[in-house]
Amino acid sequence: MGKHGKKQSVNHRRGKKSSYILQDNEGGEINDYPLNPPSALSDSDRESQEEEEEEEEEDNQENDEGSEIIAETDNALPSKFSLYQQSVQSPKGDISYLQKFFLMYVGGRAPLHLQEDFCGTALLSIEWLHGDARRTAVGLDLDIEALDWCLENNVNRIGPDIRSRISLFHGNVLQPLESKWVNFSPDEILQKMTLGDNEGESMDGTPSSCLEESAKADQDAKSLNDVQLPPRDIVCAFNYSCCCLHSRKELILYFKHARNTLSRKGGIFVMDLYGGTSSEGVLRLQRRFPNFTYVWEQAEFDIIQRKTRISLHYNLHKQQRKIRHAFSYSWRLWSLPEVKDCLQEAGFRSVHFWIRSMPDSGQIRCTDGFSAGRDIKYEEATSFQQQDSWNAYVVAVA
């Protein structure tokens, strides 16, 4: 189950695909990454799977008895994105490590500019902005539903100063410059451009007489390539998102984009990964929260393609209902040496692993909230013996 899940949006139980196909002019096809994959299960398979799920949840019968499996769009239900943020993400912990990694491997200045790839609802970016009034954040995700929810429930509920320092883009991390800017009104653009130390000047010293014209130009911008943003000190891809990239070619291409985004003064790219013997087989784990139970389900693991299907479910206690397959996606589970090789080929000068062991999955089939493994710290390692379950940060230095 690990620290993270993933934010992909899927039409409940049906699987609505929303992805971009890249054209590779040098020969060979680059696949689309399946953030919203079509279901791999037939109707009969689903019925069989759900029967098995019911049997496995007998220990939670007091919460689930009489529950109805329903579509996630029911207005009576809490948003799946809200449930996800509560059950999976821990942005303060991630940011603490990001700062530590930057100061350790780059140093000389405080990191101010963050890019969160596969950002979903951009919860980490919002938390990042609260830490320092000079900070900016860029969020990029393929799921427009998650970005829209972010605007409505995360971005629009913070103050205008903080809101003016975040830029959200809808697009594919394999083609980031073509992603579409989704979040600023003209007034917010103008405010964003006057965040410099001197009133009436932009961050790059543009005089006030030019701001209105520049704001209109930025409003008309269609893609990330058209928008001027400060070089990022940190680029991150959390929630095991790089597992959505299924080929080595895709992974290297993404890493090259991440490296090109970083400041020439120095920067880091940070991703997370999980593994262990339990990660390569059928697995079902649960976390109980006050109002719901979060279920991580891992399908059979293909040892040749190193692929599996992950589904996240939510059992709502008060409503006595279940949201099945709220998030579901196909993953290629990369190994740490594979990731390191790809990062080095993409041009990063050094790669570091920070790993923590996790409690054995057989002993934590059902836990209360984030209690399992909460006090286990990440430590830098050059070797690590295989265990039932582990989490890792991969830090690449540009």
Protein backbone atom coordinates (compact mmCIF):
# COMPACT_ATOMS: atom_id res chain seq x y z
CA MET A 1 0.00 0.00 0.00
CA GLY A 2 2.91 2.32 0.74
CA LYS A 3 2.82 6.04 1.38
CA HIS A 4 1.29 7.03 -1.91
CA GLY A 5 -1.36 6.05 -4.40
CA LYS A 6 -2.12 7.79 -7.68
CA LYS A 7 -4.49 10.49 -8.91
CA GLN A 8 -5.69 9.22 -12.24
CA SER A 9 -9.30 9.86 -13.09
CA VAL A 10 -11.43 6.99 -14.33
CA ASN A 11 -15.12 6.77 -15.10
CA HIS A 12 -16.28 4.46 -12.36
CA ARG A 13 -16.08 0.78 -13.33
CA ARG A 14 -16.00 1.57 -17.01
CA GLY A 15 -12.61 3.19 -17.58
CA LYS A 16 -12.53 6.34 -19.70
CA LYS A 17 -9.18 6.77 -21.43
CA SER A 18 -7.70 10.24 -21.72
CA SER A 19 -4.16 10.35 -23.03
CA TYR A 20 -1.99 11.68 -25.80
CA ILE A 21 -0.09 9.67 -28.39
CA LEU A 22 3.41 10.90 -29.17
CA GLN A 23 4.76 10.80 -32.67
CA ASP A 24 8.33 9.55 -32.78
CA ASN A 25 9.99 10.89 -35.93
CA GLU A 26 13.16 8.91 -35.36
CA GLY A 27 11.48 5.54 -35.73
CA GLY A 28 9.81 3.35 -33.17
CA GLU A 29 6.61 4.15 -31.39
CA ILE A 30 6.33 5.96 -28.09
CA ASN A 31 3.22 4.73 -26.34
CA ASP A 32 0.76 6.90 -24.54
CA TYR A 33 0.95 6.58 -20.79
CA PRO A 34 -2.31 5.22 -19.42
CA LEU A 35 -3.30 7.61 -16.69
CA ASN A 36 -6.91 6.76 -17.46
CA PRO A 37 -6.65 3.22 -18.75
CA PRO A 38 -9.54 1.21 -20.12
CA SER A 39 -10.57 -1.63 -17.90
CA ALA A 40 -8.86 -4.92 -18.53
CA LEU A 41 -11.69 -6.86 -16.92
CA SER A 42 -14.75 -8.32 -18.58
CA ASP A 43 -18.15 -7.99 -16.91
CA SER A 44 -17.96 -11.59 -15.71
CA ASP A 45 -14.46 -10.99 -14.36
CA ARG A 46 -15.70 -7.91 -12.50
CA GLU A 47 -18.53 -9.84 -10.90
CA SER A 48 -16.10 -12.56 -9.82
CA GLN A 49 -13.62 -9.98 -8.52
CA GLU A 50 -16.25 -8.14 -6.52
CA GLU A 51 -17.44 -11.40 -4.98
CA GLU A 52 -13.87 -12.05 -3.86
CA GLU A 53 -13.66 -8.51 -2.47
CA GLU A 54 -16.77 -9.09 -0.40
CA GLU A 55 -15.27 -12.24 1.09
CA GLU A 56 -12.01 -10.47 1.92
CA GLU A 57 -13.81 -7.70 3.80
CA GLU A 58 -15.58 -9.86 6.36
CA ASP A 59 -13.42 -8.31 9.07
CA ASN A 60 -14.98 -4.93 8.23
CA GLN A 61 -18.54 -6.20 8.14
CA GLU A 62 -19.68 -3.80 10.84
CA ASN A 63 -18.94 -0.92 8.48
CA ASP A 64 -19.90 -2.49 5.20
CA GLU A 65 -22.96 -4.60 5.92
CA GLY A 66 -25.73 -3.68 3.51
CA SER A 67 -23.38 -1.51 1.49
CA GLU A 68 -24.27 -0.62 -2.06
CA ILE A 69 -21.71 -0.42 -4.85
CA ILE A 70 -22.47 2.81 -6.66
CA ALA A 71 -21.08 5.22 -9.20
CA GLU A 72 -18.63 7.81 -7.87
CA THR A 73 -20.67 10.63 -9.41
CA ASP A 74 -23.45 10.28 -6.83
CA ASN A 75 -23.93 13.75 -5.31
CA ALA A 76 -24.32 12.23 -1.84
CA LEU A 77 -20.74 10.99 -1.88
CA PRO A 78 -17.60 12.86 -0.91
CA SER A 79 -15.34 13.55 -3.87
CA LYS A 80 -12.92 10.77 -4.75
CA PHE A 81 -10.21 13.44 -4.94
CA SER A 82 -10.92 14.54 -1.38
CA LEU A 83 -10.81 10.93 -0.22
CA TYR A 84 -7.53 10.46 -2.06
CA GLN A 85 -5.91 13.48 -0.45
CA GLN A 86 -6.95 12.28 3.00
CA SER A 87 -5.91 8.66 2.57
CA VAL A 88 -2.77 8.76 0.44
CA GLN A 89 -0.89 12.05 0.44
CA SER A 90 1.47 13.52 3.02
CA PRO A 91 2.76 16.75 1.42
CA LYS A 92 4.47 18.18 4.50
CA GLY A 93 6.68 15.12 4.82
CA ASP A 94 7.54 15.15 1.12
CA ILE A 95 8.43 18.84 1.21
CA SER A 96 10.65 18.36 4.25
CA TYR A 97 12.67 15.77 2.35
CA LEU A 98 12.73 17.88 -0.82
CA GLN A 99 14.31 20.75 1.07
CA LYS A 100 16.79 18.41 2.73
CA PHE A 101 17.82 16.86 -0.59
CA PHE A 102 18.25 20.25 -2.28
CA LEU A 103 20.41 21.68 0.49
CA MET A 104 22.48 18.49 0.65
CA TYR A 105 23.17 18.01 -3.07
CA VAL A 106 22.95 21.58 -4.44
CA GLY A 107 23.13 24.07 -1.57
CA GLY A 108 24.14 27.70 -1.74
CA ARG A 109 20.57 28.98 -1.82
CA ALA A 110 17.08 28.13 -0.65
CA PRO A 111 14.92 26.26 -3.19
CA LEU A 112 12.05 28.52 -4.26
CA HIS A 113 10.64 27.20 -7.52
CA LEU A 114 8.94 23.80 -7.66
CA GLN A 115 7.40 21.81 -10.49
CA GLU A 116 5.06 18.98 -9.54
CA ASP A 117 4.59 16.59 -12.46
CA PHE A 118 1.62 14.21 -12.40
CA CYS A 119 0.27 16.75 -9.92
CA GLY A 120 -3.40 15.71 -9.89
CA THR A 121 -5.05 18.04 -7.37
CA ALA A 122 -1.69 19.78 -6.74
CA LEU A 123 -1.95 19.39 -2.98
CA LEU A 124 1.82 19.31 -2.62
CA SER A 125 2.22 22.50 -4.68
CA ILE A 126 -0.31 24.33 -2.50
CA GLU A 127 1.52 23.23 0.64
CA TRP A 128 4.83 24.30 -0.92
CA LEU A 129 3.57 27.85 -1.48
CA HIS A 130 2.54 28.26 2.15
CA GLY A 131 6.14 27.82 3.30
CA ASP A 132 7.64 31.02 1.85
CA ALA A 133 6.13 34.09 0.16
CA ARG A 134 8.85 33.94 -2.51
CA ARG A 135 8.00 30.45 -3.64
CA THR A 136 6.32 29.54 -6.93
CA ALA A 137 4.85 26.24 -8.11
CA VAL A 138 4.03 24.69 -11.46
CA GLY A 139 1.68 21.72 -11.67
CA LEU A 140 1.31 19.48 -14.74
CA ASP A 141 -1.20 16.66 -15.15
CA LEU A 142 -3.04 14.82 -17.90
CA ASP A 143 -6.29 14.58 -15.93
CA ILE A 144 -8.39 17.69 -16.51
CA GLU A 145 -10.99 16.51 -14.00
CA ALA A 146 -8.40 16.47 -11.23
CA LEU A 147 -7.12 19.92 -12.25
CA ASP A 148 -10.64 21.36 -12.32
CA TRP A 149 -11.29 19.93 -8.86
CA CYS A 150 -8.01 21.45 -7.71
CA LEU A 151 -9.04 24.89 -8.93
CA GLU A 152 -12.42 24.67 -7.25
CA ASN A 153 -11.37 23.12 -3.95
CA ASN A 154 -7.66 23.83 -3.42
CA VAL A 155 -6.57 26.89 -5.41
CA ASN A 156 -9.72 28.98 -4.97
CA ARG A 157 -9.70 28.50 -1.21
CA ILE A 158 -6.31 30.09 -0.63
CA GLY A 159 -5.48 33.78 -0.55
CA PRO A 160 -4.90 35.75 -3.76
CA ASP A 161 -1.20 36.17 -3.05
CA ILE A 162 -0.67 32.41 -2.83
CA ARG A 163 -3.03 31.76 -5.75
CA SER A 164 -1.02 34.10 -7.96
CA ARG A 165 2.12 32.04 -7.45
CA ILE A 166 0.85 28.74 -8.84
CA SER A 167 0.48 27.80 -12.51
CA LEU A 168 -1.42 24.68 -13.53
CA PHE A 169 -1.09 22.99 -16.90
CA HIS A 170 -3.12 20.27 -18.59
CA GLY A 171 -0.93 18.01 -20.66
CA ASN A 172 1.35 15.03 -21.08
CA VAL A 173 4.67 14.95 -19.22
CA LEU A 174 6.20 13.49 -22.38
CA GLN A 175 5.20 16.65 -24.28
CA PRO A 176 5.22 19.27 -21.51
CA LEU A 177 5.69 22.35 -23.71
CA GLU A 178 2.39 21.59 -25.46
CA SER A 179 0.41 21.46 -22.21
CA LYS A 180 -2.37 24.03 -21.82
CA TRP A 181 -2.47 26.71 -19.16
CA VAL A 182 -5.67 26.29 -17.18
CA ASN A 183 -5.89 28.51 -14.16
CA PHE A 184 -5.37 32.25 -14.40
CA SER A 185 -7.76 35.12 -15.00
CA PRO A 186 -6.30 38.41 -16.36
CA ASP A 187 -6.29 39.99 -12.89
CA GLU A 188 -4.41 37.03 -11.44
CA ILE A 189 -1.90 37.15 -14.30
CA LEU A 190 -1.23 40.83 -13.62
CA GLN A 191 -0.80 40.17 -9.91
CA LYS A 192 1.54 37.27 -10.66
CA MET A 193 3.70 39.55 -12.78
CA THR A 194 4.05 42.14 -10.00
CA LEU A 195 5.46 39.82 -7.36
CA GLY A 196 8.89 41.46 -7.58
CA ASP A 197 10.49 43.36 -4.75
CA ASN A 198 9.68 46.71 -6.39
CA GLU A 199 6.05 47.72 -6.76
CA GLY A 200 5.14 48.20 -10.42
CA GLU A 201 7.80 45.83 -11.68
CA SER A 202 7.65 42.16 -12.64
CA MET A 203 10.08 39.59 -11.29
CA ASP A 204 12.38 40.27 -14.24
CA GLY A 205 12.22 44.07 -13.81
CA THR A 206 9.60 44.86 -16.46
CA PRO A 207 8.38 48.47 -15.92
CA SER A 208 4.77 49.02 -14.87
CA SER A 209 3.87 50.63 -18.20
CA CYS A 210 4.42 47.27 -19.91
CA LEU A 211 2.55 45.09 -17.42
CA GLU A 212 -0.94 45.46 -18.85
CA GLU A 213 0.22 44.57 -22.33
CA SER A 214 2.24 41.64 -21.01
CA ALA A 215 -0.71 40.38 -18.96
CA LYS A 216 -2.91 40.37 -22.05
CA ALA A 217 -0.23 38.49 -23.97
CA ASP A 218 0.03 35.89 -21.22
CA GLN A 219 -3.75 35.55 -21.14
CA ASP A 220 -3.63 34.65 -24.84
CA ALA A 221 -0.84 32.10 -24.27
CA LYS A 222 -1.88 28.62 -25.33
CA SER A 223 0.82 26.39 -23.90
CA LEU A 224 3.62 26.06 -21.37
CA ASN A 225 6.03 26.94 -24.16
CA ASP A 226 4.43 30.41 -24.40
CA VAL A 227 4.58 31.25 -20.68
CA GLN A 228 7.64 32.71 -19.00
CA LEU A 229 8.29 31.00 -15.66
CA PRO A 230 11.37 30.93 -13.44
CA PRO A 231 13.64 27.88 -13.90
CA ARG A 232 12.70 25.28 -11.34
CA ASP A 233 14.94 24.37 -8.42
CA ILE A 234 13.08 21.11 -7.86
CA VAL A 235 11.00 18.89 -10.13
CA CYS A 236 9.17 16.01 -8.47
CA ALA A 237 7.04 13.09 -9.60
CA PHE A 238 5.44 11.44 -6.59
CA ASN A 239 2.77 8.84 -5.92
CA TYR A 240 4.77 6.29 -7.94
CA SER A 241 3.70 8.17 -11.07
CA CYS A 242 6.67 7.12 -13.19
CA CYS A 243 5.20 3.62 -13.14
CA CYS A 244 2.65 5.01 -15.62
CA LEU A 245 5.47 5.17 -18.17
CA HIS A 246 5.81 1.66 -19.57
CA SER A 247 8.91 1.77 -21.75
CA ARG A 248 12.53 2.73 -21.19
CA LYS A 249 12.26 5.16 -24.09
CA GLU A 250 9.39 6.99 -22.42
CA LEU A 251 11.15 7.09 -19.08
CA ILE A 252 14.35 8.59 -20.52
CA LEU A 253 12.36 11.12 -22.54
CA TYR A 254 10.50 12.24 -19.42
CA PHE A 255 13.73 12.50 -17.42
CA LYS A 256 15.25 14.68 -20.16
CA HIS A 257 12.27 17.04 -19.98
CA ALA A 258 12.60 17.20 -16.20
CA ARG A 259 16.31 17.96 -16.44
CA ASN A 260 15.77 20.71 -19.02
CA THR A 261 13.28 22.36 -16.67
CA LEU A 262 15.79 22.71 -13.84
CA SER A 263 17.80 25.84 -13.17
CA ARG A 264 21.29 26.06 -14.67
CA LYS A 265 22.45 27.09 -11.21
CA GLY A 266 21.69 23.57 -10.08
CA GLY A 267 18.59 21.61 -9.22
CA ILE A 268 17.20 18.20 -8.36
CA PHE A 269 14.62 15.81 -9.72
CA VAL A 270 12.94 13.61 -7.11
CA MET A 271 10.62 10.66 -7.67
CA ASP A 272 9.38 7.89 -5.42
CA LEU A 273 9.21 4.16 -5.97
CA TYR A 274 8.13 1.11 -4.05
CA GLY A 275 9.11 -2.54 -4.15
CA GLY A 276 9.74 -5.71 -2.21
CA THR A 277 8.63 -9.30 -2.55
CA SER A 278 5.00 -8.39 -1.82
CA SER A 279 4.97 -5.92 -4.73
CA GLU A 280 5.22 -8.74 -7.27
CA GLY A 281 2.04 -10.62 -6.50
CA VAL A 282 -1.65 -10.28 -5.71
CA LEU A 283 -2.10 -7.98 -2.73
CA ARG A 284 -4.97 -6.28 -0.94
CA LEU A 285 -4.39 -3.85 1.93
CA GLN A 286 -6.72 -1.55 3.86
CA ARG A 287 -6.43 1.61 5.91
CA ARG A 288 -9.25 2.58 8.24
CA PHE A 289 -10.01 6.28 8.64
CA PRO A 290 -12.81 7.78 10.79
CA ASN A 291 -15.29 8.10 7.92
CA PHE A 292 -14.07 5.59 5.36
CA THR A 293 -11.80 2.65 4.64
CA TYR A 294 -9.22 2.98 1.89
CA VAL A 295 -8.40 -0.18 -0.05
CA TRP A 296 -5.28 -0.74 -2.18
CA GLU A 297 -5.69 -3.66 -4.54
CA GLN A 298 -2.86 -5.07 -6.61
CA ALA A 299 -3.65 -7.57 -9.37
CA GLU A 300 -1.44 -10.40 -10.60
CA PHE A 301 2.09 -9.40 -11.54
CA ASP A 302 3.59 -10.19 -14.96
CA ILE A 303 7.27 -10.98 -14.30
CA ILE A 304 8.25 -10.63 -17.97
CA GLN A 305 6.65 -7.24 -18.64
CA ARG A 306 6.87 -6.24 -14.96
CA LYS A 307 3.33 -4.93 -15.14
CA THR A 308 0.37 -5.03 -12.80
CA ARG A 309 -2.96 -3.25 -12.37
CA ILE A 310 -3.56 -1.14 -9.27
CA SER A 311 -7.04 -0.14 -8.09
CA LEU A 312 -8.05 2.10 -5.21
CA HIS A 313 -11.45 1.60 -3.56
CA TYR A 314 -13.26 3.48 -0.82
CA ASN A 315 -15.79 2.03 1.63
CA LEU A 316 -17.82 4.89 3.11
CA HIS A 317 -18.89 4.18 6.68
CA LYS A 318 -21.68 6.70 7.19
CA GLN A 319 -23.28 6.20 3.79
CA GLN A 320 -22.72 2.43 3.95
CA ARG A 321 -21.64 2.54 0.34
CA LYS A 322 -18.58 1.60 -1.64
CA ILE A 323 -16.79 3.35 -4.46
CA ARG A 324 -15.12 0.62 -6.45
CA HIS A 325 -12.21 1.41 -8.78
CA ALA A 326 -12.25 5.10 -7.90
CA PHE A 327 -8.74 5.13 -9.37
CA SER A 328 -7.42 2.33 -11.53
CA TYR A 329 -4.36 2.16 -13.72
CA SER A 330 -1.77 -0.06 -15.33
CA TRP A 331 1.76 0.11 -13.92
CA ARG A 332 5.21 -0.94 -15.03
CA LEU A 333 7.06 -1.52 -11.78
CA TRP A 334 10.56 -0.20 -12.41
CA SER A 335 13.59 -1.38 -10.45
CA LEU A 336 15.99 1.07 -8.82
CA PRO A 337 18.95 0.16 -11.13
CA GLU A 338 16.74 0.67 -14.20
CA VAL A 339 15.70 4.11 -12.99
CA LYS A 340 19.29 5.08 -12.19
CA ASP A 341 20.50 4.02 -15.64
CA CYS A 342 17.74 6.03 -17.33
CA LEU A 343 18.46 9.13 -15.24
CA GLN A 344 22.15 8.98 -16.07
CA GLU A 345 21.38 8.53 -19.76
CA ALA A 346 19.10 11.58 -19.54
CA GLY A 347 22.09 13.65 -18.40
CA PHE A 348 21.86 13.84 -14.60
CA ARG A 349 25.31 13.94 -13.02
CA SER A 350 24.50 11.86 -9.93
CA VAL A 351 21.68 9.69 -8.56
CA HIS A 352 21.01 8.91 -4.90
CA PHE A 353 18.65 6.46 -3.19
CA TRP A 354 16.88 7.15 0.10
CA ILE A 355 15.07 4.04 1.30
CA ARG A 356 12.97 2.94 4.23
CA SER A 357 11.72 -0.56 5.01
CA MET A 358 7.99 -0.97 5.59
CA PRO A 359 6.10 -3.40 7.82
CA ASP A 360 5.45 -6.79 6.25
CA SER A 361 2.25 -6.77 4.23
CA GLY A 362 1.11 -10.00 5.90
CA GLN A 363 1.06 -8.21 9.25
CA ILE A 364 -0.71 -5.03 8.12
CA ARG A 365 -3.60 -6.27 6.00
CA CYS A 366 -5.72 -3.69 7.78
CA THR A 367 -4.32 -0.72 9.71
CA ASP A 368 -5.62 2.49 11.27
CA GLY A 369 -4.80 5.49 9.10
CA PHE A 370 -1.10 6.15 8.59
CA SER A 371 -0.01 4.24 11.69
CA ALA A 372 1.93 1.57 9.79
CA GLY A 373 5.50 2.74 9.16
CA ARG A 374 4.86 6.32 10.24
CA ASP A 375 7.99 6.55 12.39
CA ILE A 376 10.32 4.85 9.92
CA LYS A 377 12.76 7.37 8.43
CA TYR A 378 14.31 7.35 4.98
CA GLU A 379 18.07 6.86 4.93
CA GLU A 380 20.54 7.18 2.07
CA ALA A 381 21.74 3.79 0.87
CA THR A 382 24.12 2.39 -1.74
CA SER A 383 22.97 -1.18 -1.03
CA PHE A 384 19.80 -2.55 0.51
CA GLN A 385 18.76 -6.15 1.11
CA GLN A 386 15.43 -7.22 -0.35
CA GLN A 387 12.47 -7.17 2.04
CA ASP A 388 8.75 -7.74 1.95
CA SER A 389 8.07 -4.05 1.35
CA TRP A 390 10.06 -0.83 0.97
CA ASN A 391 9.64 2.77 -0.21
CA ALA A 392 12.31 4.91 -1.79
CA TYR A 393 13.02 8.45 -2.90
CA VAL A 394 15.21 8.64 -5.99
CA VAL A 395 17.15 11.93 -6.11
CA ALA A 396 18.82 12.96 -9.36
CA VAL A 397 21.14 15.98 -9.34
CA ALA A 398 21.51 18.20 -12.43
